[in-house]
Amino acid sequence: MAPQAPHLTHFRKSRRRGGVKNYVPATYSAARAEWDAATQAGVRPIAYGSGSYPSRLAEISDPPPILWAIGDDELFSRQTIAIVGARNASSLGTRMSRRLATELGEAGFAVVSGLARGVDTAAHLASLETGTIAVMAGGVDVPYPAENTVLFQEIQEKGLRISEMPMNLAPQARHFPPRNRLISGLAAAVVVVEAAAKSGSLITARAALDQGREVLAVPGHPFDARAAGSNMLVRDGATLVRSARDVIEAVQTIGQEPMGADHAKPVQRNKAPVPGDIAALHRQILDRLGPTPVPEDQVIRNLKAAADVVSPAIVTLELEGHVRRGAGGMLTRAI
């Protein structure tokens, strides 16, 4: 029997870890119909394991087997920063998003975001001429939201649109969290401009932490609910952002070569835990917490694990409401 292709083995293992049972591959006719629809729309398939597949996305624990792309896929070779935030962003939030995207573009970075209203739209508009990547929650050929139809077309002409979803698929609520992991997976760092306490932007930040990416946040007024999530990220250790310079310095600190360098240095990262490992780590953390406050560093010592693995897991549990952080960063288990 011929040996299995490595990438096929990878995705079979991923399905098992994800609990997918009785998996049935798509029929030839369904695959052919999707391929034909893509060809007619000028959309290109990029397969995991191919030379065109973005290397940063291939690093994550659950990379999509196929990316549908339209536009300039040379942007995959650029250093990339994600900018995400509130759909109902304040005027200051959209101004900050535009400023960050403009300055990062001028510094040579590509900007990736999700083409949503508010912060995402501002980031894409400001980086159209310097390099912008829109990650779609539905089919790459489906404009969403409708008010961004013109921007949708402009990104196709000047930037890049991608999606892992089938052609012609209208996005639904359940498609956005998986989309967010691709935004963070493509980026060296994720900047949260404005985010409510429970928002899609915090899902992106959580995915970034799980993937070993840098998370940064723009602080907002304590009375503004749109800034509650980004303020929480700053409180819990995210780098505070005042300008693009803060972002660039943070990216260089984690091992990225300064812009314009002739030779890029490889970035050494801890591999993101696979889903089963993450669930086990979450259980271990919760087992060590109760109603009595415990310092975070004590939890880390008790687990005998690296802080850069445990701390993101604690933040994830806090965002999900399983852990509470009190004065002095003391942790308790939510009842």
Protein backbone atom coordinates (compact mmCIF):
# COMPACT_ATOMS: atom_id res chain seq x y z
CA MET A 1 0.00 0.00 0.00
CA ALA A 2 1.31 3.48 -0.89
CA PRO A 3 2.27 5.67 2.09
CA GLN A 4 -0.24 8.29 3.20
CA ALA A 5 0.55 11.90 2.36
CA PRO A 6 1.74 13.64 5.58
CA HIS A 7 -0.88 16.37 5.38
CA LEU A 8 -3.71 13.83 5.02
CA THR A 9 -2.48 12.00 8.10
CA HIS A 10 -2.36 15.33 9.95
CA PHE A 11 -6.00 16.13 9.21
CA ARG A 12 -7.21 12.64 10.10
CA LYS A 13 -5.53 13.03 13.49
CA SER A 14 -7.07 16.52 13.83
CA ARG A 15 -10.54 15.09 13.24
CA ARG A 16 -9.99 12.46 15.91
CA ARG A 17 -8.79 15.08 18.41
CA GLY A 18 -11.82 17.21 17.59
CA GLY A 19 -14.22 14.34 18.21
CA VAL A 20 -15.43 14.07 14.60
CA LYS A 21 -17.01 10.63 14.08
CA ASN A 22 -18.16 8.89 10.93
CA TYR A 23 -16.36 11.42 8.77
CA VAL A 24 -17.30 11.12 5.10
CA PRO A 25 -15.24 12.97 2.46
CA ALA A 26 -17.05 15.21 0.00
CA THR A 27 -18.31 13.52 -3.14
CA TYR A 28 -16.51 14.12 -6.41
CA SER A 29 -19.50 16.01 -7.82
CA ALA A 30 -19.66 18.35 -4.79
CA ALA A 31 -15.92 19.02 -4.95
CA ARG A 32 -16.11 19.59 -8.71
CA ALA A 33 -19.00 22.05 -8.30
CA GLU A 34 -17.07 24.04 -5.70
CA TRP A 35 -13.95 24.04 -7.87
CA ASP A 36 -15.93 25.26 -10.90
CA ALA A 37 -17.60 28.02 -8.88
CA ALA A 38 -14.17 29.17 -7.67
CA THR A 39 -12.72 29.13 -11.19
CA GLN A 40 -15.59 31.19 -12.56
CA ALA A 41 -15.08 33.77 -9.79
CA GLY A 42 -11.30 33.93 -10.30
CA VAL A 43 -10.68 32.36 -6.87
CA ARG A 44 -7.58 30.19 -6.30
CA PRO A 45 -7.38 27.18 -3.96
CA ILE A 46 -4.24 27.03 -1.79
CA ALA A 47 -3.66 23.61 -0.27
CA TYR A 48 -1.99 22.90 3.06
CA GLY A 49 1.51 21.63 2.36
CA SER A 50 1.89 23.54 -0.90
CA GLY A 51 4.55 26.19 -1.43
CA SER A 52 1.89 28.91 -1.63
CA TYR A 53 0.35 28.11 1.76
CA PRO A 54 1.11 30.85 4.35
CA SER A 55 3.87 29.54 6.62
CA ARG A 56 2.55 31.23 9.76
CA LEU A 57 -0.87 29.63 9.32
CA ALA A 58 0.73 26.23 8.84
CA GLU A 59 2.19 26.58 12.37
CA ILE A 60 -1.17 26.54 14.18
CA SER A 61 -2.69 23.34 15.59
CA ASP A 62 -5.68 23.29 13.20
CA PRO A 63 -4.75 24.88 9.86
CA PRO A 64 -7.45 24.66 7.17
CA PRO A 65 -6.70 22.06 4.47
CA ILE A 66 -7.76 24.49 1.73
CA LEU A 67 -7.74 28.28 1.63
CA TRP A 68 -9.75 30.02 -1.07
CA ALA A 69 -7.97 33.22 -2.09
CA ILE A 70 -8.56 36.10 -4.46
CA GLY A 71 -6.21 39.02 -4.87
CA ASP A 72 -2.50 39.37 -4.21
CA ASP A 73 -1.30 36.25 -2.39
CA GLU A 74 2.24 37.68 -2.35
CA LEU A 75 1.01 39.40 0.84
CA PHE A 76 1.46 36.04 2.61
CA SER A 77 5.21 36.60 2.44
CA ARG A 78 5.00 39.93 4.29
CA GLN A 79 5.28 40.44 8.03
CA THR A 80 1.68 40.79 9.18
CA ILE A 81 -0.11 42.47 12.09
CA ALA A 82 -3.78 41.84 12.93
CA ILE A 83 -5.98 44.76 13.98
CA VAL A 84 -9.37 43.84 15.44
CA GLY A 85 -12.00 45.54 17.54
CA ALA A 86 -15.58 46.58 18.10
CA ARG A 87 -18.15 46.71 15.32
CA ASN A 88 -19.86 49.63 17.08
CA ALA A 89 -16.52 51.37 17.55
CA SER A 90 -16.30 54.90 18.90
CA SER A 91 -14.93 57.73 16.75
CA LEU A 92 -11.70 57.54 18.73
CA GLY A 93 -11.55 53.78 18.15
CA THR A 94 -11.89 54.08 14.38
CA ARG A 95 -9.36 56.93 14.33
CA MET A 96 -6.88 54.82 16.27
CA SER A 97 -7.46 51.86 13.95
CA ARG A 98 -6.82 54.02 10.88
CA ARG A 99 -3.70 55.54 12.41
CA LEU A 100 -2.22 52.18 13.43
CA ALA A 101 -2.95 50.60 10.02
CA THR A 102 -1.50 53.58 8.17
CA GLU A 103 1.70 53.68 10.20
CA LEU A 104 2.18 49.90 10.16
CA GLY A 105 1.67 49.89 6.39
CA GLU A 106 4.24 52.65 5.98
CA ALA A 107 6.65 50.56 8.08
CA GLY A 108 6.26 47.65 5.66
CA PHE A 109 3.74 45.45 7.48
CA ALA A 110 0.62 43.95 5.92
CA VAL A 111 -2.54 44.39 7.99
CA VAL A 112 -4.99 41.52 8.47
CA SER A 113 -8.52 41.89 9.81
CA GLY A 114 -12.03 40.47 9.40
CA LEU A 115 -13.84 43.04 7.18
CA ALA A 116 -16.43 43.65 9.91
CA ARG A 117 -17.94 47.04 10.66
CA GLY A 118 -16.08 49.54 12.81
CA VAL A 119 -12.45 48.87 13.68
CA ASP A 120 -11.93 46.20 10.97
CA THR A 121 -13.29 48.45 8.22
CA ALA A 122 -11.11 51.36 9.32
CA ALA A 123 -8.00 49.14 9.35
CA HIS A 124 -8.67 47.79 5.85
CA LEU A 125 -9.38 51.23 4.38
CA ALA A 126 -6.18 52.68 5.82
CA SER A 127 -4.01 49.81 4.55
CA LEU A 128 -5.51 49.32 1.08
CA GLU A 129 -2.52 50.89 -0.66
CA THR A 130 0.16 49.29 1.52
CA GLY A 131 -1.19 45.75 1.89
CA THR A 132 -4.35 44.44 3.53
CA ILE A 133 -5.72 40.90 4.02
CA ALA A 134 -9.42 40.28 4.74
CA VAL A 135 -10.34 36.93 6.31
CA MET A 136 -13.95 36.08 5.51
CA ALA A 137 -16.30 34.13 7.79
CA GLY A 138 -18.37 32.95 4.82
CA GLY A 139 -17.42 32.18 1.25
CA VAL A 140 -14.62 34.33 -0.12
CA ASP A 141 -17.00 35.45 -2.90
CA VAL A 142 -19.78 36.62 -0.53
CA PRO A 143 -19.67 40.32 0.46
CA TYR A 144 -20.34 40.75 4.18
CA PRO A 145 -21.55 43.01 5.64
CA ALA A 146 -23.44 44.38 2.63
CA GLU A 147 -22.36 47.95 3.37
CA ASN A 148 -18.75 46.90 2.74
CA THR A 149 -19.41 45.66 -0.80
CA VAL A 150 -17.28 48.41 -2.37
CA LEU A 151 -14.42 47.80 0.09
CA PHE A 152 -14.83 44.05 -0.55
CA GLN A 153 -14.15 44.67 -4.26
CA GLU A 154 -11.30 47.11 -3.59
CA ILE A 155 -9.52 44.54 -1.42
CA GLN A 156 -9.79 42.03 -4.26
CA GLU A 157 -8.13 44.55 -6.61
CA LYS A 158 -5.46 45.91 -4.26
CA GLY A 159 -5.11 43.42 -1.41
CA LEU A 160 -6.18 39.86 -0.62
CA ARG A 161 -9.37 38.11 0.52
CA ILE A 162 -9.25 34.57 1.90
CA SER A 163 -11.61 32.04 3.48
CA GLU A 164 -11.63 28.38 4.47
CA MET A 165 -15.39 28.18 3.87
CA PRO A 166 -17.03 26.85 0.69
CA MET A 167 -17.87 29.20 -2.15
CA ASN A 168 -21.27 30.93 -2.06
CA LEU A 169 -21.69 30.32 1.70
CA ALA A 170 -23.40 33.17 3.55
CA PRO A 171 -21.72 33.61 6.98
CA GLN A 172 -23.57 32.63 10.14
CA ALA A 173 -22.73 33.33 13.79
CA ARG A 174 -20.97 29.98 14.29
CA HIS A 175 -18.53 30.73 11.45
CA PHE A 176 -16.91 33.74 13.11
CA PRO A 177 -14.91 32.10 15.96
CA PRO A 178 -13.15 29.69 13.53
CA ARG A 179 -12.50 32.67 11.23
CA ASN A 180 -10.90 34.56 14.14
CA ARG A 181 -8.25 31.86 14.66
CA LEU A 182 -7.12 32.45 11.05
CA ILE A 183 -6.77 36.19 11.64
CA SER A 184 -4.48 35.59 14.61
CA GLY A 185 -2.75 32.65 12.94
CA LEU A 186 -1.63 34.79 10.00
CA ALA A 187 -0.18 37.50 12.23
CA ALA A 188 2.94 37.98 14.30
CA ALA A 189 0.82 40.01 16.75
CA VAL A 190 -2.82 40.91 17.36
CA VAL A 191 -3.79 44.47 18.32
CA VAL A 192 -7.18 44.87 20.01
CA VAL A 193 -8.36 48.47 19.58
CA GLU A 194 -11.76 48.30 21.29
CA ALA A 195 -13.53 45.22 22.63
CA ALA A 196 -16.39 44.60 25.00
CA ALA A 197 -15.98 42.18 27.91
CA LYS A 198 -17.52 39.38 25.82
CA SER A 199 -16.73 39.92 22.17
CA GLY A 200 -15.34 38.32 19.06
CA SER A 201 -12.18 40.39 19.43
CA LEU A 202 -11.43 38.64 22.72
CA ILE A 203 -11.95 35.30 20.98
CA THR A 204 -9.27 36.41 18.52
CA ALA A 205 -7.01 37.44 21.41
CA ARG A 206 -7.57 34.06 23.08
CA ALA A 207 -6.71 32.25 19.84
CA ALA A 208 -3.57 34.39 19.54
CA LEU A 209 -2.44 33.39 23.02
CA ASP A 210 -3.06 29.71 22.27
CA GLN A 211 -1.04 30.07 19.07
CA GLY A 212 1.89 31.79 20.79
CA ARG A 213 1.25 35.18 19.18
CA GLU A 214 1.81 38.52 20.86
CA VAL A 215 -1.35 40.25 22.11
CA LEU A 216 -1.50 44.04 22.42
CA ALA A 217 -4.37 46.34 23.34
CA VAL A 218 -5.33 50.00 23.11
CA PRO A 219 -6.70 51.16 26.48
CA GLY A 220 -10.02 52.98 26.67
CA HIS A 221 -12.07 54.96 29.15
CA PRO A 222 -13.22 52.83 32.11
CA PHE A 223 -16.80 54.04 31.67
CA ASP A 224 -16.97 52.92 28.01
CA ALA A 225 -18.25 49.34 27.76
CA ARG A 226 -16.65 49.07 24.33
CA ALA A 227 -13.24 49.25 26.01
CA ALA A 228 -13.92 46.82 28.89
CA GLY A 229 -12.33 43.85 27.13
CA SER A 230 -9.26 45.69 25.87
CA ASN A 231 -8.72 47.22 29.32
CA MET A 232 -8.96 43.73 30.81
CA LEU A 233 -6.27 42.52 28.40
CA VAL A 234 -3.96 45.35 29.47
CA ARG A 235 -4.63 44.55 33.13
CA ASP A 236 -3.71 40.93 32.52
CA GLY A 237 -0.42 41.68 30.81
CA ALA A 238 -1.11 42.59 27.20
CA THR A 239 1.24 45.24 25.83
CA LEU A 240 -0.34 48.69 25.99
CA VAL A 241 -0.47 50.39 22.60
CA ARG A 242 -0.18 54.15 22.15
CA SER A 243 1.10 54.14 18.56
CA ALA A 244 2.40 51.84 15.85
CA ARG A 245 5.86 52.19 17.37
CA ASP A 246 4.70 50.18 20.40
CA VAL A 247 3.51 47.41 18.08
CA ILE A 248 6.70 47.36 16.04
CA GLU A 249 8.88 47.26 19.15
CA ALA A 250 6.84 44.39 20.60
CA VAL A 251 7.14 42.37 17.38
CA GLN A 252 10.90 42.94 17.22
CA THR A 253 11.21 41.93 20.88
CA ILE A 254 9.66 38.50 20.24
CA GLY A 255 12.24 37.75 17.59
CA GLN A 256 11.12 39.41 14.37
CA GLU A 257 13.86 40.99 12.28
CA PRO A 258 13.60 44.81 11.90
CA MET A 259 11.99 45.90 8.64
CA GLY A 260 14.36 46.15 5.71
CA ALA A 261 16.73 43.45 6.98
CA ASP A 262 18.36 41.35 4.27
CA HIS A 263 18.04 38.05 6.13
CA ALA A 264 15.13 37.11 8.36
CA LYS A 265 16.03 35.25 11.52
CA PRO A 266 13.91 32.23 12.37
CA VAL A 267 11.47 32.87 15.19
CA GLN A 268 11.67 30.34 18.00
CA ARG A 269 8.24 29.66 19.47
CA ASN A 270 6.65 27.19 21.78
CA LYS A 271 4.31 25.03 19.75
CA ALA A 272 0.65 25.70 20.49
CA PRO A 273 -0.85 22.85 22.51
CA VAL A 274 -3.18 20.55 20.59
CA PRO A 275 -6.88 20.76 21.61
CA GLY A 276 -6.69 17.70 23.89
CA ASP A 277 -3.68 19.16 25.71
CA ILE A 278 -5.48 22.48 26.19
CA ALA A 279 -8.54 20.79 27.72
CA ALA A 280 -6.33 18.78 30.09
CA LEU A 281 -4.42 21.92 31.13
CA HIS A 282 -7.69 23.75 31.80
CA ARG A 283 -8.86 20.90 34.06
CA GLN A 284 -5.54 20.93 35.94
CA ILE A 285 -5.78 24.67 36.54
CA LEU A 286 -9.38 24.48 37.75
CA ASP A 287 -8.51 21.55 40.04
CA ARG A 288 -6.02 23.82 41.82
CA LEU A 289 -8.45 26.68 42.33
CA GLY A 290 -11.35 27.12 44.76
CA PRO A 291 -13.04 29.90 46.73
CA THR A 292 -9.77 30.85 48.47
CA PRO A 293 -7.69 33.32 46.39
CA VAL A 294 -4.41 31.90 45.05
CA PRO A 295 -1.57 33.84 43.37
CA GLU A 296 -1.14 33.07 39.67
CA ASP A 297 2.57 32.31 40.07
CA GLN A 298 1.72 29.69 42.71
CA VAL A 299 -0.63 27.95 40.27
CA ILE A 300 2.16 27.94 37.67
CA ARG A 301 4.66 26.51 40.17
CA ASN A 302 2.20 23.83 41.29
CA LEU A 303 1.66 22.73 37.69
CA LYS A 304 5.43 22.65 37.04
CA ALA A 305 4.79 24.09 33.59
CA ALA A 306 6.10 27.07 31.63
CA ALA A 307 4.48 30.41 32.44
CA ASP A 308 4.00 31.24 28.74
CA VAL A 309 1.83 28.12 28.46
CA VAL A 310 -0.15 28.38 31.71
CA SER A 311 -0.83 32.14 31.72
CA PRO A 312 -2.68 32.16 28.36
CA ALA A 313 -4.76 29.19 29.56
CA ILE A 314 -5.70 31.11 32.73
CA VAL A 315 -6.73 34.12 30.62
CA THR A 316 -8.87 31.82 28.46
CA LEU A 317 -10.62 30.41 31.54
CA GLU A 318 -11.15 33.94 32.83
CA LEU A 319 -12.71 35.05 29.52
CA GLU A 320 -14.99 32.00 29.62
CA GLY A 321 -16.12 32.87 33.16
CA HIS A 322 -14.57 29.84 34.90
CA VAL A 323 -11.89 31.83 36.75
CA ARG A 324 -12.11 35.19 38.53
CA ARG A 325 -9.21 37.53 39.12
CA GLY A 326 -9.35 39.70 42.22
CA ALA A 327 -7.17 42.36 43.81
CA GLY A 328 -3.48 41.82 43.25
CA GLY A 329 -4.19 39.31 40.48
CA MET A 330 -5.33 36.64 42.95
CA LEU A 331 -7.29 33.84 41.28
CA THR A 332 -10.42 32.02 42.43
CA ARG A 333 -12.61 29.47 40.72
CA ALA A 334 -16.00 30.80 39.70
CA ILE A 335 -18.88 28.91 41.28
